[in-house]
Amino acid sequence: MWRLFPLLLAACGMPHPMDGLAFSGSAEANGHSYRINWNRSDAQATRTNPVWRPGLADVTRGAILATEEVTGCTVVPGTAVGDVALLRMRLDCG
């Protein structure tokens, strides 16, 4: 069992294969670290740093800033939804 543990942790920042998110990158923003997975219209921001009970508003702001930094696109206002671990959002890359 313990031999599989590192493999399970490595999968935490990976997008689901059916999401179609072809690009990945990392960034830090608003005191948090994020793994960003995206395509031209959608993005996922996974918070990767350990923080005890972070506030959703701080995590969301950080995820939006990190996503815009990594992708070079603008996050469509009001589309960032999720929780303190994973947020999904729409991108405007036009």
Protein backbone atom coordinates (compact mmCIF):
# COMPACT_ATOMS: atom_id res chain seq x y z
CA MET A 1 0.00 0.00 0.00
CA TRP A 2 2.70 2.51 0.97
CA ARG A 3 4.42 2.00 -2.39
CA LEU A 4 1.38 3.47 -4.15
CA PHE A 5 1.23 6.57 -1.93
CA PRO A 6 3.75 8.68 -3.96
CA LEU A 7 1.91 7.74 -7.15
CA LEU A 8 -1.40 8.86 -5.68
CA LEU A 9 0.08 12.20 -4.59
CA ALA A 10 1.56 12.78 -8.05
CA ALA A 11 -1.92 12.56 -9.57
CA CYS A 12 -3.35 15.37 -7.42
CA GLY A 13 -2.49 18.21 -9.81
CA MET A 14 -3.47 16.43 -13.01
CA PRO A 15 -6.68 17.21 -14.87
CA HIS A 16 -9.17 14.47 -15.59
CA PRO A 17 -8.40 13.06 -19.07
CA MET A 18 -11.97 13.73 -20.23
CA ASP A 19 -11.75 17.47 -19.39
CA GLY A 20 -9.69 18.21 -22.52
CA LEU A 21 -7.30 20.52 -20.67
CA ALA A 22 -4.12 20.21 -22.72
CA PHE A 23 -1.82 22.77 -21.06
CA SER A 24 -0.37 22.96 -17.54
CA GLY A 25 1.60 25.42 -15.48
CA SER A 26 2.22 26.58 -11.94
CA ALA A 27 2.02 29.96 -10.21
CA GLU A 28 1.80 31.57 -6.80
CA ALA A 29 -0.70 34.30 -5.99
CA ASN A 30 -2.38 35.77 -2.93
CA GLY A 31 -0.29 33.59 -0.60
CA HIS A 32 -1.16 30.27 -2.25
CA SER A 33 0.43 27.96 -4.81
CA TYR A 34 -1.61 26.64 -7.74
CA ARG A 35 -1.34 24.10 -10.52
CA ILE A 36 -3.22 25.45 -13.54
CA ASN A 37 -4.60 23.18 -16.28
CA TRP A 38 -6.31 24.85 -19.25
CA ASN A 39 -7.34 24.97 -22.89
CA ARG A 40 -8.55 27.99 -24.91
CA SER A 41 -11.91 28.25 -23.13
CA ASP A 42 -11.68 26.58 -19.70
CA ALA A 43 -9.27 26.30 -16.78
CA GLN A 44 -8.86 24.45 -13.50
CA ALA A 45 -6.81 25.85 -10.63
CA THR A 46 -5.75 23.30 -8.00
CA ARG A 47 -4.35 24.76 -4.77
CA THR A 48 -1.18 22.83 -3.92
CA ASN A 49 0.05 24.37 -0.67
CA PRO A 50 -1.04 23.08 2.74
CA VAL A 51 -3.02 25.70 4.66
CA TRP A 52 -5.34 25.02 7.59
CA ARG A 53 -8.86 26.14 6.67
CA PRO A 54 -8.13 28.82 4.07
CA GLY A 55 -10.86 31.30 3.20
CA LEU A 56 -12.69 30.65 -0.06
CA ALA A 57 -12.56 34.33 -1.11
CA ASP A 58 -8.75 34.47 -0.73
CA VAL A 59 -8.28 31.17 -2.55
CA THR A 60 -10.60 32.27 -5.37
CA ARG A 61 -8.79 35.61 -5.84
CA GLY A 62 -5.45 33.82 -5.87
CA ALA A 63 -6.70 31.21 -8.34
CA ILE A 64 -7.95 33.89 -10.73
CA LEU A 65 -4.66 35.83 -10.55
CA ALA A 66 -2.57 32.67 -10.99
CA THR A 67 -4.71 31.49 -13.90
CA GLU A 68 -4.44 34.82 -15.70
CA GLU A 69 -0.66 34.87 -15.14
CA VAL A 70 -0.07 31.35 -16.45
CA THR A 71 -2.53 31.34 -19.36
CA GLY A 72 -2.18 34.92 -20.56
CA CYS A 73 -5.99 35.02 -20.80
CA THR A 74 -8.62 36.83 -18.76
CA VAL A 75 -10.92 34.89 -16.45
CA VAL A 76 -14.54 35.67 -17.32
CA PRO A 77 -16.04 37.47 -14.29
CA GLY A 78 -18.35 35.33 -12.18
CA THR A 79 -17.24 32.00 -13.65
CA ALA A 80 -14.77 30.86 -10.95
CA VAL A 81 -16.62 28.16 -9.02
CA GLY A 82 -15.43 25.41 -6.73
CA ASP A 83 -13.96 25.03 -3.29
CA VAL A 84 -10.66 25.73 -1.50
CA ALA A 85 -8.95 22.85 -3.30
CA LEU A 86 -10.13 23.10 -6.93
CA LEU A 87 -11.74 25.92 -8.88
CA ARG A 88 -13.04 25.80 -12.46
CA MET A 89 -13.40 28.93 -14.60
CA ARG A 90 -14.04 30.14 -18.13
CA LEU A 91 -11.35 31.97 -20.08
CA ASP A 92 -11.47 34.85 -22.55
CA CYS A 93 -8.38 34.48 -24.71
CA GLY A 94 -9.57 36.84 -27.47
